[in-house]
Amino acid sequence: MKMRINTKKRKEEDKSSFLFNYYGASMKPTFKTGDGMMVLPYGREKVRPGDVIVFRCPERGNHIVHRVIRIDSKGIMTRGDNSILDDPWILNPGNVIGRVVSAKRAGRNLRIGGGRIGMAVAGLWKLSKRIDSSISRALHPLYQRLARSGIFHGWLSHFMEMKLLYFKRPYGTEIQLMMGKWIIGRHIPQQDAWQIRRPFRLFINTSMLPKGVQCSGRSD
């Protein structure tokens, strides 16, 4: 799923910057749902590999935030930090709204590095995803069999309280499954299946969970 953002307001003290709200999964762990992102237009500066940029998707026209991973004569290539695959589109400077310079999370301002620092971060995330993918492939059959067996269903509920939170999104209602302070599952509008973090799929019977309500129209 590609991350989408909603413009919330223009920052009053700096008329050249914009504040965006993040939600989605494609830029984890750099961003988390609910983060506020400060975006600066490039002006005369050039887009650099490693920068985290907000752009208008040339295929669908919606706003997306991903990291620049390569620039050549064809244009600007991007990728989400939570993916090992490059985006299928090629951007031109006219698609780019600006560069993410910081994120606000739980009252803290987090600096978002670009350029060489950003490329180093992107390389680390990609390496970790490849390692995680290799381990997951090896253990996936056993994990799936245990999850389908249901032998652990309901076990965690005896130790920690679980609750559902509902959030209205442009495409429908997103539902989050919380265990204490942690989000362990999410149902995204326009998707049929629940996304449950490992290893919690072993303990959750997803057939008993509600599904989000989808909107008939869409709004970017």
C-alpha atoms as a PDB file:
ATOM      1  CA  MET A   1       0.000   0.000   0.000  1.00  0.00           C
ATOM      2  CA  LYS A   2       1.392   3.392  -0.915  1.00  0.00           C
ATOM      3  CA  MET A   3       1.286   6.020   1.786  1.00  0.00           C
ATOM      4  CA  ARG A   4      -1.152   8.900   1.295  1.00  0.00           C
ATOM      5  CA  ILE A   5      -1.182  12.212   3.130  1.00  0.00           C
ATOM      6  CA  ASN A   6      -3.669  14.972   3.818  1.00  0.00           C
ATOM      7  CA  THR A   7      -2.781  18.651   3.954  1.00  0.00           C
ATOM      8  CA  LYS A   8      -3.836  19.941   7.370  1.00  0.00           C
ATOM      9  CA  LYS A   9      -2.784  23.603   7.409  1.00  0.00           C
ATOM     10  CA  ARG A  10      -0.131  26.054   6.295  1.00  0.00           C
ATOM     11  CA  LYS A  11       2.356  26.967   8.980  1.00  0.00           C
ATOM     12  CA  GLU A  12       1.718  30.560  10.009  1.00  0.00           C
ATOM     13  CA  GLU A  13       5.238  31.486  11.075  1.00  0.00           C
ATOM     14  CA  ASP A  14       6.814  30.248   7.840  1.00  0.00           C
ATOM     15  CA  LYS A  15       4.713  30.927   4.760  1.00  0.00           C
ATOM     16  CA  SER A  16       6.989  28.797   2.574  1.00  0.00           C
ATOM     17  CA  SER A  17       6.505  25.586   4.572  1.00  0.00           C
ATOM     18  CA  PHE A  18       3.601  23.160   4.829  1.00  0.00           C
ATOM     19  CA  LEU A  19       2.399  20.799   7.530  1.00  0.00           C
ATOM     20  CA  PHE A  20       1.152  17.408   6.365  1.00  0.00           C
ATOM     21  CA  ASN A  21      -0.332  14.511   8.319  1.00  0.00           C
ATOM     22  CA  TYR A  22       1.084  11.042   7.674  1.00  0.00           C
ATOM     23  CA  TYR A  23      -0.841   7.787   7.622  1.00  0.00           C
ATOM     24  CA  GLY A  24      -0.065   4.498   5.953  1.00  0.00           C
ATOM     25  CA  ALA A  25       2.687   1.898   6.017  1.00  0.00           C
ATOM     26  CA  SER A  26       5.044   2.482   3.085  1.00  0.00           C
ATOM     27  CA  MET A  27       7.452   4.764   5.010  1.00  0.00           C
ATOM     28  CA  LYS A  28       7.714   2.800   8.252  1.00  0.00           C
ATOM     29  CA  PRO A  29       9.744   2.987  10.421  1.00  0.00           C
ATOM     30  CA  THR A  30      10.775   6.500   9.357  1.00  0.00           C
ATOM     31  CA  PHE A  31       7.192   7.711   9.869  1.00  0.00           C
ATOM     32  CA  LYS A  32       4.296   6.422  11.918  1.00  0.00           C
ATOM     33  CA  THR A  33       0.595   7.081  11.472  1.00  0.00           C
ATOM     34  CA  GLY A  34      -0.234  10.401  13.114  1.00  0.00           C
ATOM     35  CA  ASP A  35       3.166  12.010  12.545  1.00  0.00           C
ATOM     36  CA  GLY A  36       3.091  15.636  11.441  1.00  0.00           C
ATOM     37  CA  MET A  37       5.567  16.319   8.629  1.00  0.00           C
ATOM     38  CA  MET A  38       7.113  19.711   7.920  1.00  0.00           C
ATOM     39  CA  VAL A  39       7.619  20.119   4.171  1.00  0.00           C
ATOM     40  CA  LEU A  40       9.725  22.796   2.475  1.00  0.00           C
ATOM     41  CA  PRO A  41       9.497  23.590  -1.256  1.00  0.00           C
ATOM     42  CA  TYR A  42      12.841  23.237  -3.056  1.00  0.00           C
ATOM     43  CA  GLY A  43      12.800  26.652  -4.697  1.00  0.00           C
ATOM     44  CA  ARG A  44      16.181  26.977  -6.419  1.00  0.00           C
ATOM     45  CA  GLU A  45      17.635  23.934  -4.654  1.00  0.00           C
ATOM     46  CA  LYS A  46      17.901  20.622  -6.488  1.00  0.00           C
ATOM     47  CA  VAL A  47      16.296  17.345  -5.460  1.00  0.00           C
ATOM     48  CA  ARG A  48      18.979  14.954  -4.145  1.00  0.00           C
ATOM     49  CA  PRO A  49      19.069  11.159  -3.849  1.00  0.00           C
ATOM     50  CA  GLY A  50      18.278  10.369  -0.223  1.00  0.00           C
ATOM     51  CA  ASP A  51      15.772  13.211   0.218  1.00  0.00           C
ATOM     52  CA  VAL A  52      12.305  12.337   1.534  1.00  0.00           C
ATOM     53  CA  ILE A  53       9.893  14.159  -0.754  1.00  0.00           C
ATOM     54  CA  VAL A  54       6.184  14.822  -1.016  1.00  0.00           C
ATOM     55  CA  PHE A  55       4.953  14.537  -4.596  1.00  0.00           C
ATOM     56  CA  ARG A  56       1.830  14.177  -6.671  1.00  0.00           C
ATOM     57  CA  CYS A  57       1.653  10.657  -8.080  1.00  0.00           C
ATOM     58  CA  PRO A  58       1.724  10.850 -11.906  1.00  0.00           C
ATOM     59  CA  GLU A  59      -0.536   7.782 -12.157  1.00  0.00           C
ATOM     60  CA  ARG A  60      -3.321   8.641  -9.706  1.00  0.00           C
ATOM     61  CA  GLY A  61      -2.773  12.297  -8.834  1.00  0.00           C
ATOM     62  CA  ASN A  62      -2.807  11.713  -5.068  1.00  0.00           C
ATOM     63  CA  HIS A  63      -0.103  12.923  -2.668  1.00  0.00           C
ATOM     64  CA  ILE A  64       2.615  10.452  -1.638  1.00  0.00           C
ATOM     65  CA  VAL A  65       5.752  10.738   0.497  1.00  0.00           C
ATOM     66  CA  HIS A  66       8.665   8.470  -0.441  1.00  0.00           C
ATOM     67  CA  ARG A  67      12.448   8.682  -0.540  1.00  0.00           C
ATOM     68  CA  VAL A  68      14.425   9.608  -3.666  1.00  0.00           C
ATOM     69  CA  ILE A  69      16.732   6.709  -4.486  1.00  0.00           C
ATOM     70  CA  ARG A  70      18.060   7.687  -7.895  1.00  0.00           C
ATOM     71  CA  ILE A  71      18.105  10.612 -10.346  1.00  0.00           C
ATOM     72  CA  ASP A  72      19.176  10.291 -13.976  1.00  0.00           C
ATOM     73  CA  SER A  73      18.357  11.706 -17.409  1.00  0.00           C
ATOM     74  CA  LYS A  74      14.928  10.009 -17.328  1.00  0.00           C
ATOM     75  CA  GLY A  75      13.832  11.641 -14.086  1.00  0.00           C
ATOM     76  CA  ILE A  76      13.463  11.033 -10.345  1.00  0.00           C
ATOM     77  CA  MET A  77      13.013   7.493  -8.967  1.00  0.00           C
ATOM     78  CA  THR A  78      11.535   6.895  -5.501  1.00  0.00           C
ATOM     79  CA  ARG A  79      10.924   4.076  -3.031  1.00  0.00           C
ATOM     80  CA  GLY A  80       9.171   3.704   0.309  1.00  0.00           C
ATOM     81  CA  ASP A  81      11.469   2.916   3.254  1.00  0.00           C
ATOM     82  CA  ASN A  82       9.239  -0.066   4.059  1.00  0.00           C
ATOM     83  CA  SER A  83       9.819  -1.662   0.641  1.00  0.00           C
ATOM     84  CA  ILE A  84      12.664  -3.278  -1.275  1.00  0.00           C
ATOM     85  CA  LEU A  85      11.040  -2.419  -4.629  1.00  0.00           C
ATOM     86  CA  ASP A  86      11.336   0.885  -6.467  1.00  0.00           C
ATOM     87  CA  ASP A  87       8.148   2.765  -7.328  1.00  0.00           C
ATOM     88  CA  PRO A  88       6.842   2.031 -10.866  1.00  0.00           C
ATOM     89  CA  TRP A  89       6.719   5.701 -11.909  1.00  0.00           C
ATOM     90  CA  ILE A  90       9.356   8.270 -12.860  1.00  0.00           C
ATOM     91  CA  LEU A  91       8.898  11.814 -11.545  1.00  0.00           C
ATOM     92  CA  ASN A  92       9.877  15.158 -12.981  1.00  0.00           C
ATOM     93  CA  PRO A  93      10.557  18.263 -10.825  1.00  0.00           C
ATOM     94  CA  GLY A  94       7.026  19.506 -11.520  1.00  0.00           C
ATOM     95  CA  ASN A  95       5.593  16.534  -9.608  1.00  0.00           C
ATOM     96  CA  VAL A  96       7.545  17.398  -6.443  1.00  0.00           C
ATOM     97  CA  ILE A  97       5.828  19.534  -3.795  1.00  0.00           C
ATOM     98  CA  GLY A  98       8.729  19.692  -1.367  1.00  0.00           C
ATOM     99  CA  ARG A  99      11.187  17.986   0.959  1.00  0.00           C
ATOM    100  CA  VAL A 100      10.308  16.622   4.406  1.00  0.00           C
ATOM    101  CA  VAL A 101      12.714  18.218   6.897  1.00  0.00           C
ATOM    102  CA  SER A 102      11.200  17.138  10.221  1.00  0.00           C
ATOM    103  CA  ALA A 103       8.444  15.084  11.805  1.00  0.00           C
ATOM    104  CA  LYS A 104       6.517  15.775  14.998  1.00  0.00           C
ATOM    105  CA  ARG A 105       5.699  12.728  17.116  1.00  0.00           C
ATOM    106  CA  ALA A 106       4.363  12.712  20.684  1.00  0.00           C
ATOM    107  CA  GLY A 107       5.510  16.288  21.236  1.00  0.00           C
ATOM    108  CA  ARG A 108       9.022  15.669  19.866  1.00  0.00           C
ATOM    109  CA  ASN A 109      10.503  17.107  16.667  1.00  0.00           C
ATOM    110  CA  LEU A 110      12.476  14.524  14.701  1.00  0.00           C
ATOM    111  CA  ARG A 111      14.914  15.656  12.024  1.00  0.00           C
ATOM    112  CA  ILE A 112      14.568  13.869   8.667  1.00  0.00           C
ATOM    113  CA  GLY A 113      17.930  13.604   6.947  1.00  0.00           C
ATOM    114  CA  GLY A 114      18.370  13.833   3.198  1.00  0.00           C
ATOM    115  CA  GLY A 115      21.201  13.564   0.696  1.00  0.00           C
ATOM    116  CA  ARG A 116      24.024  11.203   1.735  1.00  0.00           C
ATOM    117  CA  ILE A 117      22.563  10.692   5.200  1.00  0.00           C
ATOM    118  CA  GLY A 118      19.217   9.805   3.655  1.00  0.00           C
ATOM    119  CA  MET A 119      20.840   7.329   1.264  1.00  0.00           C
ATOM    120  CA  ALA A 120      22.600   5.646   4.200  1.00  0.00           C
ATOM    121  CA  VAL A 121      19.284   5.375   6.045  1.00  0.00           C
ATOM    122  CA  ALA A 122      17.576   3.971   2.942  1.00  0.00           C
ATOM    123  CA  GLY A 123      20.341   1.385   2.552  1.00  0.00           C
ATOM    124  CA  LEU A 124      19.987   0.225   6.150  1.00  0.00           C
ATOM    125  CA  TRP A 125      16.211  -0.096   5.888  1.00  0.00           C
ATOM    126  CA  LYS A 126      16.509  -2.038   2.611  1.00  0.00           C
ATOM    127  CA  LEU A 127      19.077  -4.405   4.112  1.00  0.00           C
ATOM    128  CA  SER A 128      16.913  -5.013   7.185  1.00  0.00           C
ATOM    129  CA  LYS A 129      13.891  -5.708   4.961  1.00  0.00           C
ATOM    130  CA  ARG A 130      15.869  -8.261   2.924  1.00  0.00           C
ATOM    131  CA  ILE A 131      17.056 -10.028   6.087  1.00  0.00           C
ATOM    132  CA  ASP A 132      13.540 -10.003   7.522  1.00  0.00           C
ATOM    133  CA  SER A 133      12.152 -11.304   4.223  1.00  0.00           C
ATOM    134  CA  SER A 134      14.641 -14.198   4.165  1.00  0.00           C
ATOM    135  CA  ILE A 135      13.807 -15.209   7.736  1.00  0.00           C
ATOM    136  CA  SER A 136      10.084 -14.856   7.057  1.00  0.00           C
ATOM    137  CA  ARG A 137      10.225 -17.124   4.001  1.00  0.00           C
ATOM    138  CA  ALA A 138      11.937 -19.821   6.032  1.00  0.00           C
ATOM    139  CA  LEU A 139       9.483 -19.656   8.927  1.00  0.00           C
ATOM    140  CA  HIS A 140       6.328 -18.635   7.031  1.00  0.00           C
ATOM    141  CA  PRO A 141       4.863 -22.145   6.442  1.00  0.00           C
ATOM    142  CA  LEU A 142       5.111 -23.063  10.134  1.00  0.00           C
ATOM    143  CA  TYR A 143       3.789 -19.645  11.211  1.00  0.00           C
ATOM    144  CA  GLN A 144       0.785 -19.950   8.877  1.00  0.00           C
ATOM    145  CA  ARG A 145      -0.054 -23.462  10.042  1.00  0.00           C
ATOM    146  CA  LEU A 146       0.019 -22.404  13.682  1.00  0.00           C
ATOM    147  CA  ALA A 147      -2.080 -19.289  12.947  1.00  0.00           C
ATOM    148  CA  ARG A 148      -4.712 -21.315  11.065  1.00  0.00           C
ATOM    149  CA  SER A 149      -4.828 -23.976  13.776  1.00  0.00           C
ATOM    150  CA  GLY A 150      -6.228 -21.471  16.288  1.00  0.00           C
ATOM    151  CA  ILE A 151      -4.610 -23.231  19.220  1.00  0.00           C
ATOM    152  CA  PHE A 152      -3.348 -19.906  20.594  1.00  0.00           C
ATOM    153  CA  HIS A 153      -6.455 -17.811  19.830  1.00  0.00           C
ATOM    154  CA  GLY A 154      -7.577 -15.728  22.792  1.00  0.00           C
ATOM    155  CA  TRP A 155      -4.513 -16.557  24.845  1.00  0.00           C
ATOM    156  CA  LEU A 156      -3.220 -12.963  25.040  1.00  0.00           C
ATOM    157  CA  SER A 157      -6.606 -11.542  26.051  1.00  0.00           C
ATOM    158  CA  HIS A 158      -6.190 -13.200  29.441  1.00  0.00           C
ATOM    159  CA  PHE A 159      -3.103 -11.073  30.123  1.00  0.00           C
ATOM    160  CA  MET A 160      -3.623  -7.769  28.294  1.00  0.00           C
ATOM    161  CA  GLU A 161      -6.714  -5.793  27.320  1.00  0.00           C
ATOM    162  CA  MET A 162      -7.406  -5.354  23.610  1.00  0.00           C
ATOM    163  CA  LYS A 163      -9.584  -2.680  22.042  1.00  0.00           C
ATOM    164  CA  LEU A 164     -10.638  -1.375  18.624  1.00  0.00           C
ATOM    165  CA  LEU A 165     -10.192   2.217  17.482  1.00  0.00           C
ATOM    166  CA  TYR A 166     -12.014   3.670  14.444  1.00  0.00           C
ATOM    167  CA  PHE A 167     -10.617   6.455  12.255  1.00  0.00           C
ATOM    168  CA  LYS A 168     -12.375   8.168   9.368  1.00  0.00           C
ATOM    169  CA  ARG A 169     -10.169   8.279   6.272  1.00  0.00           C
ATOM    170  CA  PRO A 170     -10.799   9.735   2.775  1.00  0.00           C
ATOM    171  CA  TYR A 171     -11.450   6.204   1.480  1.00  0.00           C
ATOM    172  CA  GLY A 172     -13.539   4.855   4.338  1.00  0.00           C
ATOM    173  CA  THR A 173     -13.072   3.815   7.979  1.00  0.00           C
ATOM    174  CA  GLU A 174      -9.733   2.483   9.211  1.00  0.00           C
ATOM    175  CA  ILE A 175      -9.843   0.180  12.239  1.00  0.00           C
ATOM    176  CA  GLN A 176      -6.865  -0.325  14.528  1.00  0.00           C
ATOM    177  CA  LEU A 177      -6.496  -3.177  16.996  1.00  0.00           C
ATOM    178  CA  MET A 178      -4.701  -2.052  20.153  1.00  0.00           C
ATOM    179  CA  MET A 179      -3.066  -4.142  22.841  1.00  0.00           C
ATOM    180  CA  GLY A 180      -2.206  -1.796  25.674  1.00  0.00           C
ATOM    181  CA  LYS A 181      -0.373   1.107  24.011  1.00  0.00           C
ATOM    182  CA  TRP A 182       0.674  -0.870  20.908  1.00  0.00           C
ATOM    183  CA  ILE A 183      -1.050  -1.115  17.550  1.00  0.00           C
ATOM    184  CA  ILE A 184      -0.930  -4.813  16.682  1.00  0.00           C
ATOM    185  CA  GLY A 185      -3.412  -4.853  13.801  1.00  0.00           C
ATOM    186  CA  ARG A 186      -4.977  -2.595  11.205  1.00  0.00           C
ATOM    187  CA  HIS A 187      -7.833  -2.896   8.722  1.00  0.00           C
ATOM    188  CA  ILE A 188      -7.356  -0.431   5.861  1.00  0.00           C
ATOM    189  CA  PRO A 189     -10.288   0.800   3.712  1.00  0.00           C
ATOM    190  CA  GLN A 190     -10.440  -0.918   0.303  1.00  0.00           C
ATOM    191  CA  GLN A 191      -8.596  -3.977   1.626  1.00  0.00           C
ATOM    192  CA  ASP A 192     -10.353  -7.210   2.545  1.00  0.00           C
ATOM    193  CA  ALA A 193      -7.864  -8.688   4.991  1.00  0.00           C
ATOM    194  CA  TRP A 194      -6.673  -7.487   8.380  1.00  0.00           C
ATOM    195  CA  GLN A 195      -2.957  -6.684   8.715  1.00  0.00           C
ATOM    196  CA  ILE A 196      -1.742  -8.264  11.962  1.00  0.00           C
ATOM    197  CA  ARG A 197       1.828  -7.768  13.161  1.00  0.00           C
ATOM    198  CA  ARG A 198       3.933 -10.833  13.782  1.00  0.00           C
ATOM    199  CA  PRO A 199       3.708 -12.781  16.027  1.00  0.00           C
ATOM    200  CA  PHE A 200       0.235 -11.599  17.096  1.00  0.00           C
ATOM    201  CA  ARG A 201      -1.489 -13.394  14.192  1.00  0.00           C
ATOM    202  CA  LEU A 202      -1.037 -16.553  16.250  1.00  0.00           C
ATOM    203  CA  PHE A 203      -3.293 -15.179  18.981  1.00  0.00           C
ATOM    204  CA  ILE A 204      -5.940 -13.274  16.971  1.00  0.00           C
ATOM    205  CA  ASN A 205      -8.943 -14.830  15.233  1.00  0.00           C
ATOM    206  CA  THR A 206      -9.344 -12.319  12.395  1.00  0.00           C
ATOM    207  CA  SER A 207     -12.712 -13.814  11.347  1.00  0.00           C
ATOM    208  CA  MET A 208     -14.152 -12.362  14.564  1.00  0.00           C
ATOM    209  CA  LEU A 209     -12.896  -8.833  13.848  1.00  0.00           C
ATOM    210  CA  PRO A 210     -15.070  -6.185  12.144  1.00  0.00           C
ATOM    211  CA  LYS A 211     -14.305  -4.722   8.719  1.00  0.00           C
ATOM    212  CA  GLY A 212     -14.039  -1.035   7.818  1.00  0.00           C
ATOM    213  CA  VAL A 213     -16.794   0.825   5.967  1.00  0.00           C
ATOM    214  CA  GLN A 214     -15.688   2.016   2.541  1.00  0.00           C
ATOM    215  CA  CYS A 215     -16.708   5.305   0.945  1.00  0.00           C
ATOM    216  CA  SER A 216     -18.425   5.267  -2.420  1.00  0.00           C
ATOM    217  CA  GLY A 217     -16.301   8.139  -3.714  1.00  0.00           C
ATOM    218  CA  ARG A 218     -12.705   9.214  -3.278  1.00  0.00           C
ATOM    219  CA  SER A 219     -11.109  12.459  -2.299  1.00  0.00           C
ATOM    220  CA  ASP A 220      -7.429  13.325  -2.492  1.00  0.00           C
END
